[in-house]
Amino acid sequence: LSGMSDLEQMEDNLSFMKGFNGFTDEERAVVQKAQEELAKIPVVPCTNCDYCAKVCPSNIGISGSFAAINLLKLYDSLSAAKRSYGFLVSGHGKAKASECIRCGACEEVCPQHIDIRAQLGQVAEALE
């Protein structure tokens, strides 16, 4: 459920923003500090939109590959990352990262501007 399936729900959702005047300088500083700390985590910023998958001629499991490598980067658990990779890629009928033909079609449609080919190379090296 989206939470905005009718006018009443939309008006209820909008009511929470009445009187909002933006962040104070202190709140803005806290948000900025949080952004800086999050930026230090070297994850692939994939949102799983799968626009890349729709144009990939090799049926690479791109978002599944990125979810798995992010597990490795966040938790330093190679076994968990490899299990995730197997499930999210091969388990869903997708081709492995090493099967990428490096055509670049995926990068042309990625709204996050991810260097997908380079990241898939890292996935193949780390998880295959």
N, C-alpha and C. Protein backbone atom coordinates (compact mmCIF):
# COMPACT_ATOMS: atom_id res chain seq x y z
N LEU A 1 0.83 -1.18 0.00
CA LEU A 1 0.00 0.00 0.00
C LEU A 1 0.88 1.24 0.00
N SER A 2 0.55 2.16 -0.85
CA SER A 2 1.39 3.34 -1.02
C SER A 2 1.16 4.39 0.05
N GLY A 3 0.02 4.35 0.71
CA GLY A 3 -0.27 5.38 1.68
C GLY A 3 -0.92 6.60 1.05
N MET A 4 -1.11 6.60 -0.25
CA MET A 4 -1.76 7.71 -0.93
C MET A 4 -2.71 7.18 -1.99
N SER A 5 -3.57 6.24 -1.57
CA SER A 5 -4.47 5.65 -2.54
C SER A 5 -5.77 6.43 -2.71
N ASP A 6 -6.03 7.36 -1.80
CA ASP A 6 -7.20 8.21 -1.99
C ASP A 6 -6.90 9.61 -1.43
N LEU A 7 -7.80 10.53 -1.68
CA LEU A 7 -7.60 11.92 -1.29
C LEU A 7 -7.44 12.07 0.22
N GLU A 8 -8.21 11.32 0.99
CA GLU A 8 -8.13 11.42 2.46
C GLU A 8 -6.74 11.02 2.97
N GLN A 9 -6.20 9.94 2.42
CA GLN A 9 -4.86 9.52 2.84
C GLN A 9 -3.81 10.54 2.44
N MET A 10 -3.96 11.11 1.25
CA MET A 10 -3.00 12.12 0.80
C MET A 10 -3.05 13.34 1.72
N GLU A 11 -4.26 13.79 2.05
CA GLU A 11 -4.39 14.95 2.94
C GLU A 11 -3.82 14.65 4.32
N ASP A 12 -4.00 13.42 4.82
CA ASP A 12 -3.42 13.02 6.11
C ASP A 12 -1.90 13.06 6.03
N ASN A 13 -1.34 12.53 4.96
CA ASN A 13 0.12 12.56 4.78
C ASN A 13 0.65 13.99 4.72
N LEU A 14 -0.04 14.85 3.99
CA LEU A 14 0.40 16.24 3.86
C LEU A 14 0.28 17.01 5.17
N SER A 15 -0.66 16.62 6.03
CA SER A 15 -0.87 17.35 7.28
C SER A 15 0.36 17.31 8.18
N PHE A 16 1.19 16.31 8.04
CA PHE A 16 2.38 16.20 8.87
C PHE A 16 3.42 17.27 8.54
N MET A 17 3.31 17.91 7.40
CA MET A 17 4.28 18.93 7.00
C MET A 17 3.80 20.35 7.29
N LYS A 18 2.58 20.49 7.78
CA LYS A 18 2.08 21.83 8.11
C LYS A 18 2.95 22.43 9.20
N GLY A 19 3.35 23.64 9.00
CA GLY A 19 4.18 24.31 9.99
C GLY A 19 5.65 23.99 9.90
N PHE A 20 6.06 23.17 8.95
CA PHE A 20 7.48 22.84 8.81
C PHE A 20 8.20 24.02 8.19
N ASN A 21 9.22 24.50 8.86
CA ASN A 21 9.93 25.69 8.39
C ASN A 21 11.36 25.39 7.95
N GLY A 22 11.67 24.15 7.71
CA GLY A 22 13.02 23.79 7.31
C GLY A 22 13.87 23.47 8.53
N PHE A 23 15.09 23.06 8.28
CA PHE A 23 16.00 22.70 9.35
C PHE A 23 16.62 23.93 10.00
N THR A 24 16.90 23.81 11.27
CA THR A 24 17.69 24.84 11.95
C THR A 24 19.14 24.63 11.52
N ASP A 25 20.00 25.57 11.83
CA ASP A 25 21.42 25.41 11.50
C ASP A 25 21.99 24.18 12.20
N GLU A 26 21.58 23.94 13.43
CA GLU A 26 22.06 22.78 14.19
C GLU A 26 21.60 21.47 13.53
N GLU A 27 20.34 21.41 13.13
CA GLU A 27 19.81 20.21 12.47
C GLU A 27 20.52 19.99 11.12
N ARG A 28 20.75 21.06 10.39
CA ARG A 28 21.43 20.97 9.11
C ARG A 28 22.85 20.42 9.30
N ALA A 29 23.52 20.85 10.37
CA ALA A 29 24.87 20.37 10.66
C ALA A 29 24.87 18.88 10.98
N VAL A 30 23.85 18.43 11.71
CA VAL A 30 23.74 17.00 12.05
C VAL A 30 23.53 16.18 10.78
N VAL A 31 22.65 16.64 9.91
CA VAL A 31 22.40 15.94 8.65
C VAL A 31 23.67 15.89 7.80
N GLN A 32 24.38 16.99 7.73
CA GLN A 32 25.62 17.04 6.95
C GLN A 32 26.65 16.06 7.51
N LYS A 33 26.77 16.00 8.83
CA LYS A 33 27.72 15.07 9.45
C LYS A 33 27.33 13.62 9.13
N ALA A 34 26.04 13.33 9.19
CA ALA A 34 25.57 11.98 8.85
C ALA A 34 25.89 11.65 7.40
N GLN A 35 25.67 12.60 6.49
CA GLN A 35 25.99 12.39 5.08
C GLN A 35 27.47 12.11 4.89
N GLU A 36 28.31 12.84 5.60
CA GLU A 36 29.76 12.65 5.49
C GLU A 36 30.16 11.26 5.97
N GLU A 37 29.57 10.82 7.07
CA GLU A 37 29.90 9.49 7.60
C GLU A 37 29.41 8.39 6.65
N LEU A 38 28.21 8.54 6.12
CA LEU A 38 27.68 7.56 5.17
C LEU A 38 28.52 7.50 3.90
N ALA A 39 29.03 8.63 3.48
CA ALA A 39 29.85 8.67 2.26
C ALA A 39 31.16 7.91 2.41
N LYS A 40 31.59 7.69 3.65
CA LYS A 40 32.83 6.96 3.90
C LYS A 40 32.67 5.45 3.68
N ILE A 41 31.44 4.97 3.67
CA ILE A 41 31.18 3.54 3.47
C ILE A 41 31.22 3.28 1.96
N PRO A 42 32.14 2.44 1.50
CA PRO A 42 32.35 2.28 0.06
C PRO A 42 31.35 1.36 -0.64
N VAL A 43 30.07 1.55 -0.38
CA VAL A 43 29.07 0.70 -1.03
C VAL A 43 28.76 1.19 -2.44
N VAL A 44 28.24 0.28 -3.24
CA VAL A 44 27.75 0.66 -4.56
C VAL A 44 26.38 1.29 -4.33
N PRO A 45 26.16 2.53 -4.79
CA PRO A 45 24.91 3.24 -4.49
C PRO A 45 23.73 2.83 -5.37
N CYS A 46 23.55 1.53 -5.50
CA CYS A 46 22.48 0.99 -6.35
C CYS A 46 21.16 1.01 -5.59
N THR A 47 20.10 1.49 -6.25
CA THR A 47 18.77 1.56 -5.65
C THR A 47 17.87 0.43 -6.13
N ASN A 48 18.41 -0.53 -6.86
CA ASN A 48 17.66 -1.67 -7.37
C ASN A 48 16.52 -1.29 -8.31
N CYS A 49 16.68 -0.22 -9.05
CA CYS A 49 15.64 0.18 -10.00
C CYS A 49 15.58 -0.80 -11.18
N ASP A 50 16.70 -1.45 -11.44
CA ASP A 50 16.84 -2.44 -12.52
C ASP A 50 16.65 -1.89 -13.93
N TYR A 51 16.83 -0.59 -14.11
CA TYR A 51 16.84 -0.05 -15.47
C TYR A 51 17.96 -0.71 -16.27
N CYS A 52 19.07 -0.95 -15.59
CA CYS A 52 20.22 -1.58 -16.24
C CYS A 52 19.88 -2.98 -16.73
N ALA A 53 19.16 -3.73 -15.91
CA ALA A 53 18.82 -5.11 -16.27
C ALA A 53 17.93 -5.16 -17.51
N LYS A 54 17.11 -4.14 -17.67
CA LYS A 54 16.19 -4.12 -18.81
C LYS A 54 16.91 -3.94 -20.14
N VAL A 55 18.12 -3.37 -20.10
CA VAL A 55 18.85 -3.14 -21.35
C VAL A 55 20.06 -4.05 -21.52
N CYS A 56 20.35 -4.89 -20.53
CA CYS A 56 21.54 -5.74 -20.57
C CYS A 56 21.34 -6.90 -21.54
N PRO A 57 22.15 -6.97 -22.61
CA PRO A 57 22.00 -8.06 -23.58
C PRO A 57 22.49 -9.40 -23.05
N SER A 58 23.21 -9.40 -21.94
CA SER A 58 23.75 -10.64 -21.37
C SER A 58 22.98 -11.13 -20.15
N ASN A 59 21.91 -10.44 -19.78
CA ASN A 59 21.07 -10.83 -18.64
C ASN A 59 21.87 -10.94 -17.34
N ILE A 60 22.80 -10.01 -17.15
CA ILE A 60 23.62 -10.00 -15.94
C ILE A 60 22.75 -9.62 -14.74
N GLY A 61 22.95 -10.28 -13.63
CA GLY A 61 22.25 -9.95 -12.39
C GLY A 61 22.93 -8.77 -11.71
N ILE A 62 22.74 -7.60 -12.27
CA ILE A 62 23.49 -6.42 -11.83
C ILE A 62 23.11 -6.00 -10.42
N SER A 63 21.84 -5.76 -10.16
CA SER A 63 21.46 -5.29 -8.83
C SER A 63 21.72 -6.35 -7.77
N GLY A 64 21.53 -7.62 -8.10
CA GLY A 64 21.85 -8.70 -7.16
C GLY A 64 23.33 -8.77 -6.87
N SER A 65 24.15 -8.53 -7.90
CA SER A 65 25.60 -8.51 -7.72
C SER A 65 26.00 -7.38 -6.77
N PHE A 66 25.37 -6.23 -6.94
CA PHE A 66 25.70 -5.09 -6.11
C PHE A 66 25.23 -5.28 -4.66
N ALA A 67 24.07 -5.90 -4.49
CA ALA A 67 23.59 -6.18 -3.14
C ALA A 67 24.56 -7.11 -2.42
N ALA A 68 25.07 -8.10 -3.14
CA ALA A 68 26.01 -9.06 -2.55
C ALA A 68 27.35 -8.41 -2.21
N ILE A 69 27.89 -7.61 -3.13
CA ILE A 69 29.18 -6.97 -2.85
C ILE A 69 29.03 -5.95 -1.72
N ASN A 70 27.86 -5.32 -1.61
CA ASN A 70 27.63 -4.39 -0.51
C ASN A 70 27.62 -5.13 0.83
N LEU A 71 27.11 -6.36 0.85
CA LEU A 71 27.18 -7.17 2.07
C LEU A 71 28.63 -7.37 2.49
N LEU A 72 29.47 -7.68 1.50
CA LEU A 72 30.89 -7.88 1.79
C LEU A 72 31.51 -6.60 2.33
N LYS A 73 31.21 -5.48 1.69
CA LYS A 73 31.80 -4.21 2.09
C LYS A 73 31.31 -3.74 3.46
N LEU A 74 30.05 -3.99 3.76
CA LEU A 74 29.48 -3.53 5.03
C LEU A 74 29.82 -4.43 6.20
N TYR A 75 29.80 -5.76 5.97
CA TYR A 75 29.92 -6.70 7.08
C TYR A 75 31.17 -7.56 7.03
N ASP A 76 31.95 -7.43 5.95
CA ASP A 76 33.19 -8.19 5.82
C ASP A 76 32.97 -9.69 5.98
N SER A 77 31.86 -10.17 5.45
CA SER A 77 31.55 -11.60 5.52
C SER A 77 31.52 -12.16 4.10
N LEU A 78 32.62 -12.78 3.71
CA LEU A 78 32.72 -13.34 2.37
C LEU A 78 31.70 -14.46 2.17
N SER A 79 31.51 -15.30 3.18
CA SER A 79 30.57 -16.41 3.03
C SER A 79 29.14 -15.90 2.83
N ALA A 80 28.72 -14.90 3.59
CA ALA A 80 27.38 -14.33 3.43
C ALA A 80 27.23 -13.67 2.07
N ALA A 81 28.26 -12.97 1.65
CA ALA A 81 28.21 -12.28 0.36
C ALA A 81 28.12 -13.30 -0.78
N LYS A 82 28.88 -14.39 -0.69
CA LYS A 82 28.84 -15.41 -1.74
C LYS A 82 27.48 -16.12 -1.77
N ARG A 83 26.91 -16.40 -0.60
CA ARG A 83 25.57 -17.01 -0.56
C ARG A 83 24.55 -16.07 -1.19
N SER A 84 24.62 -14.80 -0.83
CA SER A 84 23.70 -13.81 -1.38
C SER A 84 23.87 -13.71 -2.89
N TYR A 85 25.11 -13.69 -3.33
CA TYR A 85 25.40 -13.60 -4.76
C TYR A 85 24.77 -14.78 -5.51
N GLY A 86 24.96 -15.98 -4.99
CA GLY A 86 24.38 -17.16 -5.63
C GLY A 86 22.87 -17.08 -5.68
N PHE A 87 22.25 -16.68 -4.59
CA PHE A 87 20.80 -16.60 -4.52
C PHE A 87 20.24 -15.51 -5.42
N LEU A 88 20.83 -14.31 -5.32
CA LEU A 88 20.29 -13.15 -6.04
C LEU A 88 20.62 -13.14 -7.53
N VAL A 89 21.65 -13.87 -7.91
CA VAL A 89 22.05 -13.88 -9.32
C VAL A 89 21.64 -15.21 -9.97
N SER A 90 22.40 -16.25 -9.75
CA SER A 90 22.09 -17.55 -10.36
C SER A 90 20.72 -18.05 -9.94
N GLY A 91 20.39 -17.87 -8.67
CA GLY A 91 19.10 -18.32 -8.15
C GLY A 91 17.91 -17.64 -8.78
N HIS A 92 18.13 -16.51 -9.40
CA HIS A 92 17.06 -15.78 -10.09
C HIS A 92 17.22 -15.85 -11.61
N GLY A 93 18.01 -16.81 -12.07
CA GLY A 93 18.16 -17.01 -13.51
C GLY A 93 18.98 -15.95 -14.23
N LYS A 94 19.82 -15.25 -13.49
CA LYS A 94 20.63 -14.19 -14.08
C LYS A 94 22.06 -14.68 -14.32
N ALA A 95 22.75 -14.03 -15.22
CA ALA A 95 24.14 -14.36 -15.53
C ALA A 95 25.07 -13.70 -14.51
N LYS A 96 26.22 -14.32 -14.30
CA LYS A 96 27.21 -13.81 -13.34
C LYS A 96 27.90 -12.55 -13.86
N ALA A 97 28.49 -11.82 -12.94
CA ALA A 97 29.19 -10.58 -13.27
C ALA A 97 30.30 -10.81 -14.28
N SER A 98 30.97 -11.95 -14.20
CA SER A 98 32.08 -12.24 -15.11
C SER A 98 31.63 -12.44 -16.55
N GLU A 99 30.34 -12.59 -16.76
CA GLU A 99 29.80 -12.79 -18.11
C GLU A 99 29.46 -11.47 -18.80
N CYS A 100 29.72 -10.36 -18.14
CA CYS A 100 29.47 -9.04 -18.71
C CYS A 100 30.34 -8.86 -19.96
N ILE A 101 29.73 -8.39 -21.04
CA ILE A 101 30.48 -8.17 -22.29
C ILE A 101 30.97 -6.73 -22.40
N ARG A 102 30.75 -5.94 -21.35
CA ARG A 102 31.27 -4.58 -21.24
C ARG A 102 30.77 -3.64 -22.35
N CYS A 103 29.51 -3.83 -22.75
CA CYS A 103 28.97 -2.98 -23.82
C CYS A 103 28.64 -1.57 -23.34
N GLY A 104 28.34 -1.41 -22.05
CA GLY A 104 28.06 -0.09 -21.50
C GLY A 104 26.62 0.36 -21.59
N ALA A 105 25.73 -0.46 -22.14
CA ALA A 105 24.33 -0.06 -22.25
C ALA A 105 23.73 0.25 -20.88
N CYS A 106 24.14 -0.52 -19.89
CA CYS A 106 23.62 -0.34 -18.53
C CYS A 106 23.97 1.04 -17.97
N GLU A 107 25.18 1.48 -18.23
CA GLU A 107 25.64 2.76 -17.68
C GLU A 107 24.91 3.94 -18.30
N GLU A 108 24.43 3.77 -19.52
CA GLU A 108 23.71 4.86 -20.19
C GLU A 108 22.35 5.12 -19.54
N VAL A 109 21.78 4.11 -18.86
CA VAL A 109 20.45 4.27 -18.28
C VAL A 109 20.46 4.35 -16.75
N CYS A 110 21.60 4.22 -16.13
CA CYS A 110 21.67 4.21 -14.66
C CYS A 110 21.44 5.60 -14.09
N PRO A 111 20.35 5.80 -13.32
CA PRO A 111 20.10 7.12 -12.76
C PRO A 111 21.09 7.50 -11.65
N GLN A 112 21.81 6.51 -11.12
CA GLN A 112 22.80 6.79 -10.07
C GLN A 112 24.19 7.03 -10.66
N HIS A 113 24.33 6.90 -11.96
CA HIS A 113 25.61 7.11 -12.67
C HIS A 113 26.72 6.21 -12.11
N ILE A 114 26.36 4.96 -11.86
CA ILE A 114 27.32 3.98 -11.34
C ILE A 114 28.21 3.50 -12.47
N ASP A 115 29.49 3.34 -12.19
CA ASP A 115 30.43 2.75 -13.14
C ASP A 115 30.21 1.23 -13.07
N ILE A 116 29.12 0.79 -13.68
CA ILE A 116 28.64 -0.58 -13.54
C ILE A 116 29.67 -1.60 -14.00
N ARG A 117 30.29 -1.35 -15.13
CA ARG A 117 31.26 -2.34 -15.65
C ARG A 117 32.42 -2.54 -14.69
N ALA A 118 32.94 -1.47 -14.14
CA ALA A 118 34.05 -1.59 -13.18
C ALA A 118 33.58 -2.30 -11.91
N GLN A 119 32.40 -1.96 -11.45
CA GLN A 119 31.87 -2.58 -10.24
C GLN A 119 31.61 -4.07 -10.45
N LEU A 120 31.12 -4.44 -11.63
CA LEU A 120 30.91 -5.86 -11.91
C LEU A 120 32.24 -6.61 -11.94
N GLY A 121 33.29 -5.96 -12.39
CA GLY A 121 34.62 -6.56 -12.36
C GLY A 121 35.05 -6.85 -10.94
N GLN A 122 34.76 -5.92 -10.03
CA GLN A 122 35.08 -6.14 -8.61
C GLN A 122 34.25 -7.28 -8.03
N VAL A 123 32.98 -7.36 -8.43
CA VAL A 123 32.12 -8.44 -7.96
C VAL A 123 32.69 -9.79 -8.41
N ALA A 124 33.02 -9.87 -9.70
CA ALA A 124 33.56 -11.14 -10.24
C ALA A 124 34.84 -11.54 -9.49
N GLU A 125 35.70 -10.59 -9.25
CA GLU A 125 36.97 -10.86 -8.58
C GLU A 125 36.76 -11.32 -7.13
N ALA A 126 35.84 -10.68 -6.45
CA ALA A 126 35.64 -10.95 -5.03
C ALA A 126 34.74 -12.15 -4.74
N LEU A 127 33.73 -12.38 -5.59
CA LEU A 127 32.70 -13.34 -5.25
C LEU A 127 32.62 -14.59 -6.13
N GLU A 128 33.37 -14.61 -7.23
CA GLU A 128 33.30 -15.80 -8.10
C GLU A 128 34.52 -16.68 -7.93
